Amino acid sequence: MTANKDPETVSITIQCLKCGETFPAPILVSPKSKVDSSALAKNMVQCKHCGEMTRCDKENVVARFEDGTSIGNDEI
């Protein structure tokens, strides 16, 4: 089996900066090279739990890939 040089995105999770709950991102960017080059800054999304708008930055977003790697905050 050959390694995928540009793994597909499995999930993108956002942690609300208001209530602290996590939820799936409303969009899925794939493969990894596109996530790595995309701007994960100054974007806003509505929290699925509290309804407030929350910022999406690399500090409160994590993208996980099929090869087990991730980009963003692994603590989420």
Foldseek 3Di string as FASTA:
>chain_A
DDDDPFFWWPFKKFQAPPPRDIDTDPDGDDTPVRVVPDAQFPDWDADPPPRDIGRGHLAGMWIAGPVGDIGGDPVD
